[in-house]
Each structure stands twice: as structure tokens, then as C-alpha cells.
């Protein structure tokens, strides 16, 4: 794992348990020390290589092998069952994300 070309640390991850997916990990969950970038591309953002060991698959919890990715705000509990997307094993996947904030005005 790298972020902006710098190796990640274990402290960058928070572990939680999902009833459907078992062990899950959140990157950049500390709202007081958020890692941010304003440049596009994997060299300027988060990059993760994962080895999926078929012997570690939790067949009782999930119907298939792979990863589930859920993007969420720091300090917000993720719901990978409801939000996110799946990545099949044996593939390379790139994802680009741009955050847009909408401020709704009240009635005039």
C-alpha cells in the first residue's frame, strides 16, 4: 500500500467486523489527521496490492472470492453490504473518485 508514493503504515488502517464479509479494514479513518490529495492519478493517491489466499476465503459469509470496496467519510461506519463495489480476484482494477459537496439552501 502506498499513499502519494509513501508506504502506508499499520496505523493508517482501522479494523472492523462485517457480518457478511468478516474482517474489514478502513484506510484513513482519523478525521483529525486526514490524508488528502488534489492531484489525479495513482501516483498521487491511494494504491493497494492485495494477495487473496483461497485458503483464507470465508465461504460461510460470502458466496464468492474477491474484495468489497466501500468509500465513505472518515469516522463514518461503512456498510459494505449496502454501499460499494466488488473486485474479482486475479484482476487489476483502477478507480477514480472525485468528491462533490452540495450545500442545499433552505426555503426563501
PDB file of N, CA and C in Angstrom:
ATOM      1  N   UNK A   1       0.846  -1.182   0.000  1.00  0.00           N
ATOM      2  CA  UNK A   1       0.000   0.000   0.000  1.00  0.00           C
ATOM      3  C   UNK A   1       0.890   1.243   0.000  1.00  0.00           C
ATOM      4  N   UNK A   2       0.520   2.189  -0.827  1.00  0.00           N
ATOM      5  CA  UNK A   2       1.175   3.493  -0.799  1.00  0.00           C
ATOM      6  C   UNK A   2       0.108   4.585  -0.854  1.00  0.00           C
ATOM      7  N   UNK A   3       0.455   5.738  -0.303  1.00  0.00           N
ATOM      8  CA  UNK A   3      -0.392   6.917  -0.410  1.00  0.00           C
ATOM      9  C   UNK A   3       0.513   8.074  -0.808  1.00  0.00           C
ATOM     10  N   UNK A   4       0.273   8.649  -1.984  1.00  0.00           N
ATOM     11  CA  UNK A   4       1.100   9.711  -2.558  1.00  0.00           C
ATOM     12  C   UNK A   4       2.547   9.265  -2.679  1.00  0.00           C
ATOM     13  N   UNK A   5       2.731   7.964  -2.993  1.00  0.00           N
ATOM     14  CA  UNK A   5       4.057   7.413  -3.200  1.00  0.00           C
ATOM     15  C   UNK A   5       4.799   7.031  -1.932  1.00  0.00           C
ATOM     16  N   UNK A   6       4.176   7.212  -0.767  1.00  0.00           N
ATOM     17  CA  UNK A   6       4.803   6.893   0.524  1.00  0.00           C
ATOM     18  C   UNK A   6       4.170   5.613   1.059  1.00  0.00           C
ATOM     19  N   UNK A   7       4.975   4.658   1.516  1.00  0.00           N
ATOM     20  CA  UNK A   7       4.400   3.407   2.054  1.00  0.00           C
ATOM     21  C   UNK A   7       3.436   3.673   3.205  1.00  0.00           C
ATOM     22  N   UNK A   8       2.323   2.941   3.208  1.00  0.00           N
ATOM     23  CA  UNK A   8       1.336   3.047   4.281  1.00  0.00           C
ATOM     24  C   UNK A   8       1.897   2.424   5.558  1.00  0.00           C
ATOM     25  N   UNK A   9       1.304   2.810   6.669  1.00  0.00           N
ATOM     26  CA  UNK A   9       1.655   2.228   7.970  1.00  0.00           C
ATOM     27  C   UNK A   9       0.424   1.500   8.499  1.00  0.00           C
ATOM     28  N   UNK A  10       0.651   0.587   9.406  1.00  0.00           N
ATOM     29  CA  UNK A  10      -0.449  -0.142  10.030  1.00  0.00           C
ATOM     30  C   UNK A  10      -1.419   0.831  10.707  1.00  0.00           C
ATOM     31  N   UNK A  11      -0.900   1.929  11.235  1.00  0.00           N
ATOM     32  CA  UNK A  11      -1.747   2.914  11.917  1.00  0.00           C
ATOM     33  C   UNK A  11      -2.692   3.639  10.957  1.00  0.00           C
ATOM     34  N   UNK A  12      -2.473   3.519   9.640  1.00  0.00           N
ATOM     35  CA  UNK A  12      -3.388   4.123   8.661  1.00  0.00           C
ATOM     36  C   UNK A  12      -4.680   3.326   8.508  1.00  0.00           C
ATOM     37  N   UNK A  13      -4.750   2.129   9.116  1.00  0.00           N
ATOM     38  CA  UNK A  13      -5.897   1.244   8.948  1.00  0.00           C
ATOM     39  C   UNK A  13      -6.628   1.022  10.266  1.00  0.00           C
ATOM     40  N   UNK A  14      -7.944   0.917  10.178  1.00  0.00           N
ATOM     41  CA  UNK A  14      -8.794   0.575  11.311  1.00  0.00           C
ATOM     42  C   UNK A  14      -9.543  -0.700  10.940  1.00  0.00           C
ATOM     43  N   UNK A  15      -9.514  -1.690  11.818  1.00  0.00           N
ATOM     44  CA  UNK A  15     -10.174  -2.978  11.552  1.00  0.00           C
ATOM     45  C   UNK A  15     -11.579  -2.978  12.141  1.00  0.00           C
ATOM     46  N   UNK A  16     -12.515  -3.578  11.423  1.00  0.00           N
ATOM     47  CA  UNK A  16     -13.865  -3.796  11.959  1.00  0.00           C
ATOM     48  C   UNK A  16     -14.405  -5.101  11.395  1.00  0.00           C
ATOM     49  N   UNK A  17     -15.454  -5.595  11.975  1.00  0.00           N
ATOM     50  CA  UNK A  17     -16.074  -6.856  11.560  1.00  0.00           C
ATOM     51  C   UNK A  17     -17.377  -6.576  10.826  1.00  0.00           C
ATOM     52  N   UNK A  18     -17.529  -7.221   9.700  1.00  0.00           N
ATOM     53  CA  UNK A  18     -18.762  -7.151   8.936  1.00  0.00           C
ATOM     54  C   UNK A  18     -19.466  -8.497   9.057  1.00  0.00           C
ATOM     55  N   UNK A  19     -20.781  -8.506   9.304  1.00  0.00           N
ATOM     56  CA  UNK A  19     -21.498  -9.774   9.384  1.00  0.00           C
ATOM     57  C   UNK A  19     -21.454 -10.567   8.081  1.00  0.00           C
ATOM     58  N   UNK A  20     -21.327  -9.868   6.945  1.00  0.00           N
ATOM     59  CA  UNK A  20     -21.323 -10.546   5.647  1.00  0.00           C
ATOM     60  C   UNK A  20     -19.928 -10.847   5.118  1.00  0.00           C
ATOM     61  N   UNK A  21     -18.945 -10.002   5.473  1.00  0.00           N
ATOM     62  CA  UNK A  21     -17.619 -10.124   4.872  1.00  0.00           C
ATOM     63  C   UNK A  21     -16.505 -10.454   5.858  1.00  0.00           C
ATOM     64  N   UNK A  22     -16.804 -10.543   7.142  1.00  0.00           N
ATOM     65  CA  UNK A  22     -15.776 -10.882   8.129  1.00  0.00           C
ATOM     66  C   UNK A  22     -14.867  -9.707   8.420  1.00  0.00           C
ATOM     67  N   UNK A  23     -13.543  -9.944   8.433  1.00  0.00           N
ATOM     68  CA  UNK A  23     -12.576  -8.889   8.734  1.00  0.00           C
ATOM     69  C   UNK A  23     -12.560  -7.849   7.627  1.00  0.00           C
ATOM     70  N   UNK A  24     -12.727  -6.592   8.011  1.00  0.00           N
ATOM     71  CA  UNK A  24     -12.698  -5.481   7.066  1.00  0.00           C
ATOM     72  C   UNK A  24     -11.757  -4.417   7.614  1.00  0.00           C
ATOM     73  N   UNK A  25     -11.231  -3.584   6.714  1.00  0.00           N
ATOM     74  CA  UNK A  25     -10.275  -2.562   7.105  1.00  0.00           C
ATOM     75  C   UNK A  25     -10.635  -1.244   6.443  1.00  0.00           C
ATOM     76  N   UNK A  26     -10.558  -0.169   7.220  1.00  0.00           N
ATOM     77  CA  UNK A  26     -10.786   1.175   6.714  1.00  0.00           C
ATOM     78  C   UNK A  26      -9.453   1.899   6.670  1.00  0.00           C
ATOM     79  N   UNK A  27      -9.157   2.527   5.544  1.00  0.00           N
ATOM     80  CA  UNK A  27      -7.953   3.339   5.397  1.00  0.00           C
ATOM     81  C   UNK A  27      -8.314   4.791   5.625  1.00  0.00           C
ATOM     82  N   UNK A  28      -7.450   5.544   6.334  1.00  0.00           N
ATOM     83  CA  UNK A  28      -7.620   6.991   6.519  1.00  0.00           C
ATOM     84  C   UNK A  28      -8.897   7.311   7.294  1.00  0.00           C
ATOM     85  N   UNK A  29      -9.079   6.661   8.428  1.00  0.00           N
ATOM     86  CA  UNK A  29     -10.297   6.828   9.217  1.00  0.00           C
ATOM     87  C   UNK A  29     -10.189   7.915  10.273  1.00  0.00           C
ATOM     88  N   UNK A  30      -9.020   8.520  10.467  1.00  0.00           N
ATOM     89  CA  UNK A  30      -8.804   9.523  11.506  1.00  0.00           C
ATOM     90  C   UNK A  30      -9.143  10.910  10.957  1.00  0.00           C
ATOM     91  N   UNK A  31     -10.287  11.459  11.368  1.00  0.00           N
ATOM     92  CA  UNK A  31     -10.739  12.756  10.854  1.00  0.00           C
ATOM     93  C   UNK A  31      -9.819  13.887  11.295  1.00  0.00           C
ATOM     94  N   UNK A  32      -9.045  13.705  12.361  1.00  0.00           N
ATOM     95  CA  UNK A  32      -8.152  14.760  12.835  1.00  0.00           C
ATOM     96  C   UNK A  32      -6.841  14.802  12.062  1.00  0.00           C
ATOM     97  N   UNK A  33      -6.510  13.740  11.346  1.00  0.00           N
ATOM     98  CA  UNK A  33      -5.253  13.683  10.588  1.00  0.00           C
ATOM     99  C   UNK A  33      -5.514  13.094   9.207  1.00  0.00           C
ATOM    100  N   UNK A  34      -6.476  13.666   8.486  1.00  0.00           N
ATOM    101  CA  UNK A  34      -6.863  13.135   7.184  1.00  0.00           C
ATOM    102  C   UNK A  34      -5.758  13.275   6.157  1.00  0.00           C
ATOM    103  N   UNK A  35      -5.578  12.220   5.378  1.00  0.00           N
ATOM    104  CA  UNK A  35      -4.670  12.244   4.239  1.00  0.00           C
ATOM    105  C   UNK A  35      -5.477  12.733   3.046  1.00  0.00           C
ATOM    106  N   UNK A  36      -5.006  13.765   2.385  1.00  0.00           N
ATOM    107  CA  UNK A  36      -5.753  14.338   1.273  1.00  0.00           C
ATOM    108  C   UNK A  36      -4.850  14.508   0.059  1.00  0.00           C
ATOM    109  N   UNK A  37      -5.469  14.570  -1.100  1.00  0.00           N
ATOM    110  CA  UNK A  37      -4.750  14.868  -2.331  1.00  0.00           C
ATOM    111  C   UNK A  37      -5.664  15.667  -3.244  1.00  0.00           C
ATOM    112  N   UNK A  38      -5.064  16.485  -4.077  1.00  0.00           N
ATOM    113  CA  UNK A  38      -5.857  17.248  -5.039  1.00  0.00           C
ATOM    114  C   UNK A  38      -5.420  16.953  -6.467  1.00  0.00           C
ATOM    115  N   UNK A  39      -4.478  16.025  -6.633  1.00  0.00           N
ATOM    116  CA  UNK A  39      -3.999  15.674  -7.962  1.00  0.00           C
ATOM    117  C   UNK A  39      -4.517  14.293  -8.356  1.00  0.00           C
ATOM    118  N   UNK A  40      -4.863  14.104  -9.631  1.00  0.00           N
ATOM    119  CA  UNK A  40      -5.356  12.799 -10.080  1.00  0.00           C
ATOM    120  C   UNK A  40      -4.219  11.811 -10.327  1.00  0.00           C
ATOM    121  N   UNK A  41      -4.570  10.546 -10.358  1.00  0.00           N
ATOM    122  CA  UNK A  41      -3.613   9.500 -10.709  1.00  0.00           C
ATOM    123  C   UNK A  41      -3.159   8.692  -9.517  1.00  0.00           C
ATOM    124  N   UNK A  42      -2.794   7.436  -9.778  1.00  0.00           N
ATOM    125  CA  UNK A  42      -2.401   6.536  -8.693  1.00  0.00           C
ATOM    126  C   UNK A  42      -1.116   6.978  -8.007  1.00  0.00           C
ATOM    127  N   UNK A  43      -0.283   7.758  -8.683  1.00  0.00           N
ATOM    128  CA  UNK A  43       0.947   8.244  -8.052  1.00  0.00           C
ATOM    129  C   UNK A  43       0.659   9.279  -6.964  1.00  0.00           C
ATOM    130  N   UNK A  44      -0.503   9.906  -7.013  1.00  0.00           N
ATOM    131  CA  UNK A  44      -0.840  10.966  -6.070  1.00  0.00           C
ATOM    132  C   UNK A  44      -1.942  10.572  -5.098  1.00  0.00           C
ATOM    133  N   UNK A  45      -2.401   9.340  -5.156  1.00  0.00           N
ATOM    134  CA  UNK A  45      -3.479   8.902  -4.276  1.00  0.00           C
ATOM    135  C   UNK A  45      -3.144   7.600  -3.602  1.00  0.00           C
ATOM    136  N   UNK A  46      -4.138   6.786  -3.380  1.00  0.00           N
ATOM    137  CA  UNK A  46      -4.036   5.529  -2.659  1.00  0.00           C
ATOM    138  C   UNK A  46      -3.844   4.391  -3.649  1.00  0.00           C
ATOM    139  N   UNK A  47      -2.867   3.537  -3.398  1.00  0.00           N
ATOM    140  CA  UNK A  47      -2.621   2.368  -4.227  1.00  0.00           C
ATOM    141  C   UNK A  47      -2.467   1.156  -3.315  1.00  0.00           C
ATOM    142  N   UNK A  48      -3.132   0.060  -3.662  1.00  0.00           N
ATOM    143  CA  UNK A  48      -3.144  -1.119  -2.798  1.00  0.00           C
ATOM    144  C   UNK A  48      -3.024  -2.379  -3.643  1.00  0.00           C
ATOM    145  N   UNK A  49      -2.061  -3.215  -3.310  1.00  0.00           N
ATOM    146  CA  UNK A  49      -1.928  -4.543  -3.906  1.00  0.00           C
ATOM    147  C   UNK A  49      -2.340  -5.554  -2.852  1.00  0.00           C
ATOM    148  N   UNK A  50      -3.219  -6.476  -3.217  1.00  0.00           N
ATOM    149  CA  UNK A  50      -3.742  -7.449  -2.260  1.00  0.00           C
ATOM    150  C   UNK A  50      -3.509  -8.858  -2.781  1.00  0.00           C
ATOM    151  N   UNK A  51      -3.000  -9.727  -1.923  1.00  0.00           N
ATOM    152  CA  UNK A  51      -2.880 -11.142  -2.232  1.00  0.00           C
ATOM    153  C   UNK A  51      -4.084 -11.841  -1.628  1.00  0.00           C
ATOM    154  N   UNK A  52      -4.901 -12.462  -2.458  1.00  0.00           N
ATOM    155  CA  UNK A  52      -6.080 -13.179  -1.987  1.00  0.00           C
ATOM    156  C   UNK A  52      -5.742 -14.665  -1.903  1.00  0.00           C
ATOM    157  N   UNK A  53      -5.624 -15.155  -0.699  1.00  0.00           N
ATOM    158  CA  UNK A  53      -5.289 -16.554  -0.459  1.00  0.00           C
ATOM    159  C   UNK A  53      -6.578 -17.366  -0.441  1.00  0.00           C
ATOM    160  N   UNK A  54      -6.771 -18.298  -1.392  1.00  0.00           N
ATOM    161  CA  UNK A  54      -8.011 -19.083  -1.428  1.00  0.00           C
ATOM    162  C   UNK A  54      -8.218 -19.914  -0.170  1.00  0.00           C
ATOM    163  N   UNK A  55      -7.133 -20.238   0.544  1.00  0.00           N
ATOM    164  CA  UNK A  55      -7.268 -20.999   1.783  1.00  0.00           C
ATOM    165  C   UNK A  55      -7.852 -20.157   2.909  1.00  0.00           C
ATOM    166  N   UNK A  56      -7.831 -18.829   2.759  1.00  0.00           N
ATOM    167  CA  UNK A  56      -8.356 -17.935   3.788  1.00  0.00           C
ATOM    168  C   UNK A  56      -9.779 -17.452   3.470  1.00  0.00           C
ATOM    169  N   UNK A  57     -10.351 -17.925   2.390  1.00  0.00           N
ATOM    170  CA  UNK A  57     -11.693 -17.499   1.994  1.00  0.00           C
ATOM    171  C   UNK A  57     -12.706 -17.919   3.049  1.00  0.00           C
ATOM    172  N   UNK A  58     -13.623 -17.012   3.360  1.00  0.00           N
ATOM    173  CA  UNK A  58     -14.665 -17.278   4.347  1.00  0.00           C
ATOM    174  C   UNK A  58     -15.927 -17.659   3.600  1.00  0.00           C
ATOM    175  N   UNK A  59     -16.021 -18.919   3.200  1.00  0.00           N
ATOM    176  CA  UNK A  59     -17.130 -19.388   2.376  1.00  0.00           C
ATOM    177  C   UNK A  59     -18.486 -19.288   3.033  1.00  0.00           C
ATOM    178  N   UNK A  60     -18.534 -19.327   4.361  1.00  0.00           N
ATOM    179  CA  UNK A  60     -19.816 -19.235   5.062  1.00  0.00           C
ATOM    180  C   UNK A  60     -20.401 -17.834   4.995  1.00  0.00           C
ATOM    181  N   UNK A  61     -19.534 -16.807   4.895  1.00  0.00           N
ATOM    182  CA  UNK A  61     -20.009 -15.435   4.923  1.00  0.00           C
ATOM    183  C   UNK A  61     -20.286 -14.862   3.545  1.00  0.00           C
ATOM    184  N   UNK A  62     -19.542 -15.298   2.554  1.00  0.00           N
ATOM    185  CA  UNK A  62     -19.644 -14.701   1.233  1.00  0.00           C
ATOM    186  C   UNK A  62     -19.724 -15.793   0.167  1.00  0.00           C
ATOM    187  N   UNK A  63     -20.483 -15.523  -0.858  1.00  0.00           N
ATOM    188  CA  UNK A  63     -20.683 -16.522  -1.909  1.00  0.00           C
ATOM    189  C   UNK A  63     -19.491 -16.644  -2.844  1.00  0.00           C
ATOM    190  N   UNK A  64     -18.655 -15.615  -2.930  1.00  0.00           N
ATOM    191  CA  UNK A  64     -17.548 -15.658  -3.868  1.00  0.00           C
ATOM    192  C   UNK A  64     -16.282 -15.067  -3.303  1.00  0.00           C
ATOM    193  N   UNK A  65     -15.187 -15.294  -4.002  1.00  0.00           N
ATOM    194  CA  UNK A  65     -13.902 -14.736  -3.604  1.00  0.00           C
ATOM    195  C   UNK A  65     -13.765 -13.331  -4.178  1.00  0.00           C
ATOM    196  N   UNK A  66     -12.869 -12.559  -3.612  1.00  0.00           N
ATOM    197  CA  UNK A  66     -12.599 -11.217  -4.104  1.00  0.00           C
ATOM    198  C   UNK A  66     -12.613 -10.202  -2.984  1.00  0.00           C
ATOM    199  N   UNK A  67     -12.724  -8.953  -3.369  1.00  0.00           N
ATOM    200  CA  UNK A  67     -12.744  -7.839  -2.421  1.00  0.00           C
ATOM    201  C   UNK A  67     -14.042  -7.066  -2.550  1.00  0.00           C
ATOM    202  N   UNK A  68     -14.420  -6.426  -1.475  1.00  0.00           N
ATOM    203  CA  UNK A  68     -15.550  -5.497  -1.487  1.00  0.00           C
ATOM    204  C   UNK A  68     -15.003  -4.142  -1.076  1.00  0.00           C
ATOM    205  N   UNK A  69     -15.230  -3.121  -1.876  1.00  0.00           N
ATOM    206  CA  UNK A  69     -14.722  -1.782  -1.614  1.00  0.00           C
ATOM    207  C   UNK A  69     -15.893  -0.860  -1.320  1.00  0.00           C
ATOM    208  N   UNK A  70     -15.800  -0.161  -0.204  1.00  0.00           N
ATOM    209  CA  UNK A  70     -16.826   0.798   0.185  1.00  0.00           C
ATOM    210  C   UNK A  70     -16.140   2.119   0.497  1.00  0.00           C
ATOM    211  N   UNK A  71     -16.483   3.183  -0.213  1.00  0.00           N
ATOM    212  CA  UNK A  71     -15.899   4.500   0.015  1.00  0.00           C
ATOM    213  C   UNK A  71     -16.823   5.284   0.934  1.00  0.00           C
ATOM    214  N   UNK A  72     -16.244   5.862   1.992  1.00  0.00           N
ATOM    215  CA  UNK A  72     -17.059   6.589   2.973  1.00  0.00           C
ATOM    216  C   UNK A  72     -16.229   7.659   3.648  1.00  0.00           C
ATOM    217  N   UNK A  73     -16.884   8.568   4.328  1.00  0.00           N
ATOM    218  CA  UNK A  73     -16.217   9.633   5.064  1.00  0.00           C
ATOM    219  C   UNK A  73     -15.496   9.065   6.289  1.00  0.00           C
ATOM    220  N   UNK A  74     -14.401   9.729   6.730  1.00  0.00           N
ATOM    221  CA  UNK A  74     -13.745   9.287   7.967  1.00  0.00           C
ATOM    222  C   UNK A  74     -14.706   9.333   9.151  1.00  0.00           C
ATOM    223  N   UNK A  75     -14.530   8.401  10.061  1.00  0.00           N
ATOM    224  CA  UNK A  75     -15.351   8.272  11.275  1.00  0.00           C
ATOM    225  C   UNK A  75     -16.817   7.968  11.000  1.00  0.00           C
ATOM    226  N   UNK A  76     -17.131   7.507   9.790  1.00  0.00           N
ATOM    227  CA  UNK A  76     -18.480   7.058   9.455  1.00  0.00           C
ATOM    228  C   UNK A  76     -18.410   5.547   9.274  1.00  0.00           C
ATOM    229  N   UNK A  77     -19.293   4.829   9.953  1.00  0.00           N
ATOM    230  CA  UNK A  77     -19.268   3.377   9.854  1.00  0.00           C
ATOM    231  C   UNK A  77     -19.613   2.939   8.431  1.00  0.00           C
ATOM    232  N   UNK A  78     -18.758   2.128   7.831  1.00  0.00           N
ATOM    233  CA  UNK A  78     -19.049   1.653   6.481  1.00  0.00           C
ATOM    234  C   UNK A  78     -20.092   0.538   6.481  1.00  0.00           C
ATOM    235  N   UNK A  79     -20.841   0.452   5.407  1.00  0.00           N
ATOM    236  CA  UNK A  79     -21.814  -0.614   5.212  1.00  0.00           C
ATOM    237  C   UNK A  79     -21.528  -1.284   3.871  1.00  0.00           C
ATOM    238  N   UNK A  80     -20.511  -2.168   3.828  1.00  0.00           N
ATOM    239  CA  UNK A  80     -20.152  -2.773   2.537  1.00  0.00           C
ATOM    240  C   UNK A  80     -21.275  -3.603   1.927  1.00  0.00           C
ATOM    241  N   UNK A  81     -22.202  -4.076   2.745  1.00  0.00           N
ATOM    242  CA  UNK A  81     -23.331  -4.837   2.212  1.00  0.00           C
ATOM    243  C   UNK A  81     -24.246  -3.958   1.363  1.00  0.00           C
ATOM    244  N   UNK A  82     -24.335  -2.676   1.724  1.00  0.00           N
ATOM    245  CA  UNK A  82     -25.245  -1.755   1.047  1.00  0.00           C
ATOM    246  C   UNK A  82     -24.531  -0.870   0.024  1.00  0.00           C
ATOM    247  N   UNK A  83     -23.335  -0.428   0.386  1.00  0.00           N
ATOM    248  CA  UNK A  83     -22.588   0.518  -0.449  1.00  0.00           C
ATOM    249  C   UNK A  83     -21.321  -0.139  -0.961  1.00  0.00           C
ATOM    250  N   UNK A  84     -20.869   0.275  -2.093  1.00  0.00           N
ATOM    251  CA  UNK A  84     -19.588  -0.199  -2.588  1.00  0.00           C
ATOM    252  C   UNK A  84     -19.695  -1.054  -3.821  1.00  0.00           C
ATOM    253  N   UNK A  85     -18.555  -1.649  -4.157  1.00  0.00           N
ATOM    254  CA  UNK A  85     -18.475  -2.476  -5.349  1.00  0.00           C
ATOM    255  C   UNK A  85     -17.514  -3.619  -5.092  1.00  0.00           C
ATOM    256  N   UNK A  86     -17.659  -4.678  -5.869  1.00  0.00           N
ATOM    257  CA  UNK A  86     -16.833  -5.877  -5.719  1.00  0.00           C
ATOM    258  C   UNK A  86     -15.738  -5.907  -6.772  1.00  0.00           C
ATOM    259  N   UNK A  87     -14.603  -6.493  -6.403  1.00  0.00           N
ATOM    260  CA  UNK A  87     -13.476  -6.680  -7.312  1.00  0.00           C
ATOM    261  C   UNK A  87     -13.142  -8.159  -7.335  1.00  0.00           C
ATOM    262  N   UNK A  88     -13.125  -8.738  -8.516  1.00  0.00           N
ATOM    263  CA  UNK A  88     -12.842 -10.167  -8.671  1.00  0.00           C
ATOM    264  C   UNK A  88     -11.357 -10.435  -8.480  1.00  0.00           C
ATOM    265  N   UNK A  89     -11.018 -11.620  -7.970  1.00  0.00           N
ATOM    266  CA  UNK A  89      -9.598 -11.971  -7.839  1.00  0.00           C
ATOM    267  C   UNK A  89      -8.958 -12.172  -9.207  1.00  0.00           C
ATOM    268  N   UNK A  90      -7.636 -12.016  -9.251  1.00  0.00           N
ATOM    269  CA  UNK A  90      -6.911 -12.236 -10.498  1.00  0.00           C
ATOM    270  C   UNK A  90      -7.033 -11.104 -11.490  1.00  0.00           C
ATOM    271  N   UNK A  91      -7.395  -9.915 -11.011  1.00  0.00           N
ATOM    272  CA  UNK A  91      -7.548  -8.793 -11.930  1.00  0.00           C
ATOM    273  C   UNK A  91      -6.903  -7.548 -11.335  1.00  0.00           C
ATOM    274  N   UNK A  92      -6.618  -6.588 -12.194  1.00  0.00           N
ATOM    275  CA  UNK A  92      -6.152  -5.274 -11.761  1.00  0.00           C
ATOM    276  C   UNK A  92      -7.298  -4.300 -11.990  1.00  0.00           C
ATOM    277  N   UNK A  93      -7.602  -3.509 -10.975  1.00  0.00           N
ATOM    278  CA  UNK A  93      -8.727  -2.582 -11.057  1.00  0.00           C
ATOM    279  C   UNK A  93      -8.266  -1.199 -10.644  1.00  0.00           C
ATOM    280  N   UNK A  94      -8.603  -0.198 -11.427  1.00  0.00           N
ATOM    281  CA  UNK A  94      -8.310   1.195 -11.085  1.00  0.00           C
ATOM    282  C   UNK A  94      -9.630   1.916 -10.890  1.00  0.00           C
ATOM    283  N   UNK A  95      -9.678   2.758  -9.866  1.00  0.00           N
ATOM    284  CA  UNK A  95     -10.893   3.503  -9.553  1.00  0.00           C
ATOM    285  C   UNK A  95     -10.519   4.964  -9.373  1.00  0.00           C
ATOM    286  N   UNK A  96     -11.226   5.843 -10.033  1.00  0.00           N
ATOM    287  CA  UNK A  96     -11.044   7.280  -9.840  1.00  0.00           C
ATOM    288  C   UNK A  96     -12.242   7.835  -9.096  1.00  0.00           C
ATOM    289  N   UNK A  97     -11.987   8.691  -8.131  1.00  0.00           N
ATOM    290  CA  UNK A  97     -13.067   9.246  -7.307  1.00  0.00           C
ATOM    291  C   UNK A  97     -12.875  10.750  -7.202  1.00  0.00           C
ATOM    292  N   UNK A  98     -13.956  11.478  -7.330  1.00  0.00           N
ATOM    293  CA  UNK A  98     -13.930  12.919  -7.111  1.00  0.00           C
ATOM    294  C   UNK A  98     -15.073  13.254  -6.156  1.00  0.00           C
ATOM    295  N   UNK A  99     -14.747  13.934  -5.075  1.00  0.00           N
ATOM    296  CA  UNK A  99     -15.762  14.300  -4.091  1.00  0.00           C
ATOM    297  C   UNK A  99     -16.429  15.606  -4.496  1.00  0.00           C
ATOM    298  N   UNK A 100     -17.747  15.610  -4.414  1.00  0.00           N
ATOM    299  CA  UNK A 100     -18.530  16.803  -4.689  1.00  0.00           C
ATOM    300  C   UNK A 100     -19.392  17.065  -3.470  1.00  0.00           C
ATOM    301  N   UNK A 101     -19.356  18.293  -2.980  1.00  0.00           N
ATOM    302  CA  UNK A 101     -20.162  18.648  -1.812  1.00  0.00           C
ATOM    303  C   UNK A 101     -21.292  19.566  -2.248  1.00  0.00           C
ATOM    304  N   UNK A 102     -22.507  19.201  -1.887  1.00  0.00           N
ATOM    305  CA  UNK A 102     -23.679  20.014  -2.199  1.00  0.00           C
ATOM    306  C   UNK A 102     -24.184  20.654  -0.917  1.00  0.00           C
ATOM    307  N   UNK A 103     -24.389  21.949  -0.932  1.00  0.00           N
ATOM    308  CA  UNK A 103     -24.983  22.661   0.199  1.00  0.00           C
ATOM    309  C   UNK A 103     -26.364  23.124  -0.218  1.00  0.00           C
ATOM    310  N   UNK A 104     -27.361  22.487   0.352  1.00  0.00           N
ATOM    311  CA  UNK A 104     -28.753  22.819  -0.015  1.00  0.00           C
ATOM    312  C   UNK A 104     -29.205  24.023   0.813  1.00  0.00           C
ATOM    313  N   UNK A 105     -29.775  24.976   0.111  1.00  0.00           N
ATOM    314  CA  UNK A 105     -30.286  26.177   0.781  1.00  0.00           C
ATOM    315  C   UNK A 105     -31.686  25.925   1.303  1.00  0.00           C
ATOM    316  N   UNK A 106     -31.999  26.557   2.396  1.00  0.00           N
ATOM    317  CA  UNK A 106     -33.343  26.450   2.944  1.00  0.00           C
ATOM    318  C   UNK A 106     -34.352  27.224   2.111  1.00  0.00           C
ATOM    319  N   UNK A 107     -35.620  27.134   2.487  1.00  0.00           N
ATOM    320  CA  UNK A 107     -36.662  27.890   1.768  1.00  0.00           C
ATOM    321  C   UNK A 107     -36.414  29.379   1.921  1.00  0.00           C
ATOM    322  N   UNK A 108     -36.722  30.132   0.840  1.00  0.00           N
ATOM    323  CA  UNK A 108     -36.515  31.607   0.909  1.00  0.00           C
ATOM    324  C   UNK A 108     -37.477  32.279   1.860  1.00  0.00           C
TER     325      UNK A 108
END
